């Protein structure tokens, strides 16, 4: 079975421009981009954004903690 990280890399390889792999238990997010970069967001007190792919989109990660 593919891990979530492998699945996200597959999605990017197939054309996904931006993806978030959110882990509420660890309170981190891996942000996958079309250029192959992956960054880690470790603060659920800050919003994640749609960057240039989804301008003006923001998501409050704290909503997952309810």
PDB file of N, CA and C in Angstrom:
ATOM      1  N   UNK A   1       0.850  -1.187   0.000  1.00  0.00           N
ATOM      2  CA  UNK A   1       0.000   0.000   0.000  1.00  0.00           C
ATOM      3  C   UNK A   1       0.892   1.246   0.000  1.00  0.00           C
ATOM      4  N   UNK A   2       0.508   2.218  -0.777  1.00  0.00           N
ATOM      5  CA  UNK A   2       1.268   3.473  -0.849  1.00  0.00           C
ATOM      6  C   UNK A   2       1.024   4.317   0.397  1.00  0.00           C
ATOM      7  N   UNK A   3       2.078   4.949   0.866  1.00  0.00           N
ATOM      8  CA  UNK A   3       1.928   5.885   1.978  1.00  0.00           C
ATOM      9  C   UNK A   3       1.311   7.178   1.444  1.00  0.00           C
ATOM     10  N   UNK A   4       0.831   7.995   2.341  1.00  0.00           N
ATOM     11  CA  UNK A   4       0.247   9.277   1.940  1.00  0.00           C
ATOM     12  C   UNK A   4       1.276  10.149   1.228  1.00  0.00           C
ATOM     13  N   UNK A   5       2.529  10.103   1.687  1.00  0.00           N
ATOM     14  CA  UNK A   5       3.584  10.896   1.046  1.00  0.00           C
ATOM     15  C   UNK A   5       3.836  10.414  -0.380  1.00  0.00           C
ATOM     16  N   UNK A   6       3.860   9.106  -0.572  1.00  0.00           N
ATOM     17  CA  UNK A   6       4.043   8.559  -1.925  1.00  0.00           C
ATOM     18  C   UNK A   6       2.874   8.949  -2.818  1.00  0.00           C
ATOM     19  N   UNK A   7       1.679   8.920  -2.266  1.00  0.00           N
ATOM     20  CA  UNK A   7       0.489   9.282  -3.033  1.00  0.00           C
ATOM     21  C   UNK A   7       0.542  10.750  -3.451  1.00  0.00           C
ATOM     22  N   UNK A   8       0.974  11.630  -2.545  1.00  0.00           N
ATOM     23  CA  UNK A   8       1.084  13.048  -2.886  1.00  0.00           C
ATOM     24  C   UNK A   8       2.108  13.254  -4.008  1.00  0.00           C
ATOM     25  N   UNK A   9       3.229  12.543  -3.948  1.00  0.00           N
ATOM     26  CA  UNK A   9       4.235  12.664  -5.004  1.00  0.00           C
ATOM     27  C   UNK A   9       3.681  12.162  -6.335  1.00  0.00           C
ATOM     28  N   UNK A  10       2.853  11.126  -6.279  1.00  0.00           N
ATOM     29  CA  UNK A  10       2.196  10.624  -7.491  1.00  0.00           C
ATOM     30  C   UNK A  10       1.243  11.681  -8.060  1.00  0.00           C
ATOM     31  N   UNK A  11       0.476  12.321  -7.193  1.00  0.00           N
ATOM     32  CA  UNK A  11      -0.441  13.375  -7.643  1.00  0.00           C
ATOM     33  C   UNK A  11       0.321  14.492  -8.347  1.00  0.00           C
ATOM     34  N   UNK A  12       1.430  14.934  -7.760  1.00  0.00           N
ATOM     35  CA  UNK A  12       2.238  16.004  -8.356  1.00  0.00           C
ATOM     36  C   UNK A  12       2.799  15.546  -9.695  1.00  0.00           C
ATOM     37  N   UNK A  13       3.265  14.321  -9.764  1.00  0.00           N
ATOM     38  CA  UNK A  13       3.797  13.778 -11.017  1.00  0.00           C
ATOM     39  C   UNK A  13       2.730  13.742 -12.108  1.00  0.00           C
ATOM     40  N   UNK A  14       1.466  13.665 -11.693  1.00  0.00           N
ATOM     41  CA  UNK A  14       0.362  13.624 -12.644  1.00  0.00           C
ATOM     42  C   UNK A  14      -0.298  14.977 -12.868  1.00  0.00           C
ATOM     43  N   UNK A  15       0.352  16.055 -12.399  1.00  0.00           N
ATOM     44  CA  UNK A  15      -0.117  17.382 -12.752  1.00  0.00           C
ATOM     45  C   UNK A  15      -0.707  18.245 -11.660  1.00  0.00           C
ATOM     46  N   UNK A  16      -0.818  17.739 -10.453  1.00  0.00           N
ATOM     47  CA  UNK A  16      -1.331  18.572  -9.362  1.00  0.00           C
ATOM     48  C   UNK A  16      -0.332  19.701  -9.114  1.00  0.00           C
ATOM     49  N   UNK A  17      -0.824  20.914  -9.007  1.00  0.00           N
ATOM     50  CA  UNK A  17       0.045  22.071  -8.846  1.00  0.00           C
ATOM     51  C   UNK A  17       0.386  22.382  -7.396  1.00  0.00           C
ATOM     52  N   UNK A  18      -0.520  22.053  -6.489  1.00  0.00           N
ATOM     53  CA  UNK A  18      -0.317  22.366  -5.076  1.00  0.00           C
ATOM     54  C   UNK A  18      -1.115  21.380  -4.243  1.00  0.00           C
ATOM     55  N   UNK A  19      -0.473  20.786  -3.235  1.00  0.00           N
ATOM     56  CA  UNK A  19      -1.175  19.849  -2.359  1.00  0.00           C
ATOM     57  C   UNK A  19      -0.701  19.999  -0.932  1.00  0.00           C
ATOM     58  N   UNK A  20      -1.623  19.762  -0.010  1.00  0.00           N
ATOM     59  CA  UNK A  20      -1.301  19.842   1.411  1.00  0.00           C
ATOM     60  C   UNK A  20      -1.542  18.473   2.027  1.00  0.00           C
ATOM     61  N   UNK A  21      -0.552  17.939   2.677  1.00  0.00           N
ATOM     62  CA  UNK A  21      -0.703  16.703   3.427  1.00  0.00           C
ATOM     63  C   UNK A  21      -0.729  17.106   4.899  1.00  0.00           C
ATOM     64  N   UNK A  22      -1.926  17.109   5.468  1.00  0.00           N
ATOM     65  CA  UNK A  22      -2.146  17.653   6.810  1.00  0.00           C
ATOM     66  C   UNK A  22      -2.180  16.524   7.836  1.00  0.00           C
ATOM     67  N   UNK A  23      -1.387  16.685   8.897  1.00  0.00           N
ATOM     68  CA  UNK A  23      -1.353  15.735   9.994  1.00  0.00           C
ATOM     69  C   UNK A  23      -1.791  16.462  11.268  1.00  0.00           C
ATOM     70  N   UNK A  24      -3.091  16.401  11.595  1.00  0.00           N
ATOM     71  CA  UNK A  24      -3.582  17.136  12.768  1.00  0.00           C
ATOM     72  C   UNK A  24      -2.978  16.661  14.090  1.00  0.00           C
ATOM     73  N   UNK A  25      -2.668  15.370  14.204  1.00  0.00           N
ATOM     74  CA  UNK A  25      -2.110  14.864  15.463  1.00  0.00           C
ATOM     75  C   UNK A  25      -0.735  15.460  15.738  1.00  0.00           C
ATOM     76  N   UNK A  26       0.084  15.582  14.714  1.00  0.00           N
ATOM     77  CA  UNK A  26       1.426  16.155  14.858  1.00  0.00           C
ATOM     78  C   UNK A  26       1.425  17.673  14.670  1.00  0.00           C
ATOM     79  N   UNK A  27       0.287  18.211  14.222  1.00  0.00           N
ATOM     80  CA  UNK A  27       0.141  19.638  13.911  1.00  0.00           C
ATOM     81  C   UNK A  27       1.210  20.096  12.919  1.00  0.00           C
ATOM     82  N   UNK A  28       1.298  19.347  11.817  1.00  0.00           N
ATOM     83  CA  UNK A  28       2.171  19.800  10.731  1.00  0.00           C
ATOM     84  C   UNK A  28       1.513  19.538   9.378  1.00  0.00           C
ATOM     85  N   UNK A  29       2.014  20.254   8.399  1.00  0.00           N
ATOM     86  CA  UNK A  29       1.516  20.148   7.031  1.00  0.00           C
ATOM     87  C   UNK A  29       2.720  20.070   6.102  1.00  0.00           C
ATOM     88  N   UNK A  30       2.702  19.110   5.195  1.00  0.00           N
ATOM     89  CA  UNK A  30       3.689  19.081   4.124  1.00  0.00           C
ATOM     90  C   UNK A  30       3.037  19.699   2.900  1.00  0.00           C
ATOM     91  N   UNK A  31       3.695  20.683   2.330  1.00  0.00           N
ATOM     92  CA  UNK A  31       3.153  21.401   1.177  1.00  0.00           C
ATOM     93  C   UNK A  31       3.936  20.971  -0.058  1.00  0.00           C
ATOM     94  N   UNK A  32       3.239  20.334  -0.976  1.00  0.00           N
ATOM     95  CA  UNK A  32       3.830  19.814  -2.212  1.00  0.00           C
ATOM     96  C   UNK A  32       3.520  20.779  -3.349  1.00  0.00           C
ATOM     97  N   UNK A  33       4.540  21.068  -4.167  1.00  0.00           N
ATOM     98  CA  UNK A  33       4.378  21.995  -5.285  1.00  0.00           C
ATOM     99  C   UNK A  33       4.781  21.334  -6.601  1.00  0.00           C
ATOM    100  N   UNK A  34       4.264  21.865  -7.687  1.00  0.00           N
ATOM    101  CA  UNK A  34       4.514  21.308  -9.016  1.00  0.00           C
ATOM    102  C   UNK A  34       5.992  21.287  -9.377  1.00  0.00           C
ATOM    103  N   UNK A  35       6.773  22.208  -8.831  1.00  0.00           N
ATOM    104  CA  UNK A  35       8.206  22.244  -9.161  1.00  0.00           C
ATOM    105  C   UNK A  35       9.005  21.188  -8.388  1.00  0.00           C
ATOM    106  N   UNK A  36       8.306  20.371  -7.589  1.00  0.00           N
ATOM    107  CA  UNK A  36       8.955  19.298  -6.846  1.00  0.00           C
ATOM    108  C   UNK A  36       9.373  19.669  -5.438  1.00  0.00           C
ATOM    109  N   UNK A  37       9.236  20.940  -5.075  1.00  0.00           N
ATOM    110  CA  UNK A  37       9.613  21.335  -3.722  1.00  0.00           C
ATOM    111  C   UNK A  37       8.554  20.884  -2.720  1.00  0.00           C
ATOM    112  N   UNK A  38       9.029  20.571  -1.541  1.00  0.00           N
ATOM    113  CA  UNK A  38       8.162  20.197  -0.430  1.00  0.00           C
ATOM    114  C   UNK A  38       8.620  21.003   0.774  1.00  0.00           C
ATOM    115  N   UNK A  39       7.695  21.703   1.397  1.00  0.00           N
ATOM    116  CA  UNK A  39       8.057  22.431   2.607  1.00  0.00           C
ATOM    117  C   UNK A  39       7.160  21.963   3.741  1.00  0.00           C
ATOM    118  N   UNK A  40       7.642  22.162   4.951  1.00  0.00           N
ATOM    119  CA  UNK A  40       6.911  21.724   6.136  1.00  0.00           C
ATOM    120  C   UNK A  40       6.433  22.941   6.918  1.00  0.00           C
ATOM    121  N   UNK A  41       5.157  22.946   7.215  1.00  0.00           N
ATOM    122  CA  UNK A  41       4.516  24.012   7.983  1.00  0.00           C
ATOM    123  C   UNK A  41       4.191  23.410   9.349  1.00  0.00           C
ATOM    124  N   UNK A  42       4.719  23.987  10.417  1.00  0.00           N
ATOM    125  CA  UNK A  42       4.555  23.371  11.736  1.00  0.00           C
ATOM    126  C   UNK A  42       3.828  24.244  12.748  1.00  0.00           C
ATOM    127  N   UNK A  43       3.085  25.208  12.288  1.00  0.00           N
ATOM    128  CA  UNK A  43       2.392  26.099  13.210  1.00  0.00           C
ATOM    129  C   UNK A  43       0.923  26.179  12.829  1.00  0.00           C
ATOM    130  N   UNK A  44       0.079  25.496  13.582  1.00  0.00           N
ATOM    131  CA  UNK A  44      -1.356  25.526  13.293  1.00  0.00           C
ATOM    132  C   UNK A  44      -1.999  26.852  13.693  1.00  0.00           C
ATOM    133  N   UNK A  45      -1.231  27.767  14.288  1.00  0.00           N
ATOM    134  CA  UNK A  45      -1.758  29.093  14.612  1.00  0.00           C
ATOM    135  C   UNK A  45      -1.703  30.024  13.403  1.00  0.00           C
ATOM    136  N   UNK A  46      -0.999  29.606  12.349  1.00  0.00           N
ATOM    137  CA  UNK A  46      -0.923  30.407  11.121  1.00  0.00           C
ATOM    138  C   UNK A  46      -1.767  29.752  10.034  1.00  0.00           C
ATOM    139  N   UNK A  47      -2.255  30.565   9.115  1.00  0.00           N
ATOM    140  CA  UNK A  47      -3.045  30.058   8.001  1.00  0.00           C
ATOM    141  C   UNK A  47      -2.126  29.454   6.946  1.00  0.00           C
ATOM    142  N   UNK A  48      -2.650  28.473   6.194  1.00  0.00           N
ATOM    143  CA  UNK A  48      -1.942  28.045   4.990  1.00  0.00           C
ATOM    144  C   UNK A  48      -2.677  28.697   3.823  1.00  0.00           C
ATOM    145  N   UNK A  49      -1.951  28.958   2.748  1.00  0.00           N
ATOM    146  CA  UNK A  49      -2.543  29.690   1.638  1.00  0.00           C
ATOM    147  C   UNK A  49      -2.510  28.857   0.361  1.00  0.00           C
ATOM    148  N   UNK A  50      -3.280  29.322  -0.598  1.00  0.00           N
ATOM    149  CA  UNK A  50      -3.295  28.706  -1.916  1.00  0.00           C
ATOM    150  C   UNK A  50      -2.168  29.191  -2.796  1.00  0.00           C
ATOM    151  N   UNK A  51      -1.313  30.029  -2.227  1.00  0.00           N
ATOM    152  CA  UNK A  51      -0.153  30.578  -2.940  1.00  0.00           C
ATOM    153  C   UNK A  51      -0.602  31.173  -4.281  1.00  0.00           C
ATOM    154  N   UNK A  52       0.168  30.966  -5.351  1.00  0.00           N
ATOM    155  CA  UNK A  52      -0.200  31.517  -6.661  1.00  0.00           C
ATOM    156  C   UNK A  52      -1.243  30.662  -7.384  1.00  0.00           C
ATOM    157  N   UNK A  53      -1.452  29.436  -6.898  1.00  0.00           N
ATOM    158  CA  UNK A  53      -2.374  28.509  -7.548  1.00  0.00           C
ATOM    159  C   UNK A  53      -3.824  28.862  -7.226  1.00  0.00           C
ATOM    160  N   UNK A  54      -4.098  29.176  -5.978  1.00  0.00           N
ATOM    161  CA  UNK A  54      -5.441  29.567  -5.516  1.00  0.00           C
ATOM    162  C   UNK A  54      -5.343  30.911  -4.809  1.00  0.00           C
ATOM    163  N   UNK A  55      -5.171  31.986  -5.572  1.00  0.00           N
ATOM    164  CA  UNK A  55      -5.005  33.301  -4.948  1.00  0.00           C
ATOM    165  C   UNK A  55      -6.168  33.616  -3.997  1.00  0.00           C
ATOM    166  N   UNK A  56      -5.834  34.235  -2.897  1.00  0.00           N
ATOM    167  CA  UNK A  56      -6.787  34.668  -1.865  1.00  0.00           C
ATOM    168  C   UNK A  56      -7.360  33.518  -1.038  1.00  0.00           C
ATOM    169  N   UNK A  57      -7.012  32.250  -1.355  1.00  0.00           N
ATOM    170  CA  UNK A  57      -7.478  31.139  -0.532  1.00  0.00           C
ATOM    171  C   UNK A  57      -6.585  31.010   0.694  1.00  0.00           C
ATOM    172  N   UNK A  58      -7.214  30.923   1.846  1.00  0.00           N
ATOM    173  CA  UNK A  58      -6.498  30.679   3.089  1.00  0.00           C
ATOM    174  C   UNK A  58      -7.305  29.675   3.903  1.00  0.00           C
ATOM    175  N   UNK A  59      -6.594  28.826   4.629  1.00  0.00           N
ATOM    176  CA  UNK A  59      -7.263  27.835   5.467  1.00  0.00           C
ATOM    177  C   UNK A  59      -6.711  27.914   6.879  1.00  0.00           C
ATOM    178  N   UNK A  60      -7.616  28.009   7.833  1.00  0.00           N
ATOM    179  CA  UNK A  60      -7.254  28.063   9.242  1.00  0.00           C
ATOM    180  C   UNK A  60      -7.135  26.626   9.760  1.00  0.00           C
ATOM    181  N   UNK A  61      -5.925  26.188   9.999  1.00  0.00           N
ATOM    182  CA  UNK A  61      -5.689  24.813  10.451  1.00  0.00           C
ATOM    183  C   UNK A  61      -6.290  24.541  11.821  1.00  0.00           C
ATOM    184  N   UNK A  62      -6.507  25.557  12.615  1.00  0.00           N
ATOM    185  CA  UNK A  62      -7.113  25.369  13.930  1.00  0.00           C
ATOM    186  C   UNK A  62      -8.513  24.783  13.827  1.00  0.00           C
ATOM    187  N   UNK A  63      -9.172  24.945  12.683  1.00  0.00           N
ATOM    188  CA  UNK A  63     -10.508  24.365  12.490  1.00  0.00           C
ATOM    189  C   UNK A  63     -10.475  22.845  12.592  1.00  0.00           C
ATOM    190  N   UNK A  64      -9.323  22.252  12.347  1.00  0.00           N
ATOM    191  CA  UNK A  64      -9.186  20.798  12.434  1.00  0.00           C
ATOM    192  C   UNK A  64      -9.044  20.298  13.861  1.00  0.00           C
ATOM    193  N   UNK A  65      -8.829  21.193  14.783  1.00  0.00           N
ATOM    194  CA  UNK A  65      -8.552  20.827  16.158  1.00  0.00           C
ATOM    195  C   UNK A  65      -9.812  20.804  17.022  1.00  0.00           C
ATOM    196  N   UNK A  66     -10.945  21.054  16.468  1.00  0.00           N
ATOM    197  CA  UNK A  66     -12.203  21.092  17.259  1.00  0.00           C
ATOM    198  C   UNK A  66     -12.694  19.721  17.583  1.00  0.00           C
TER     199      UNK A  66
END
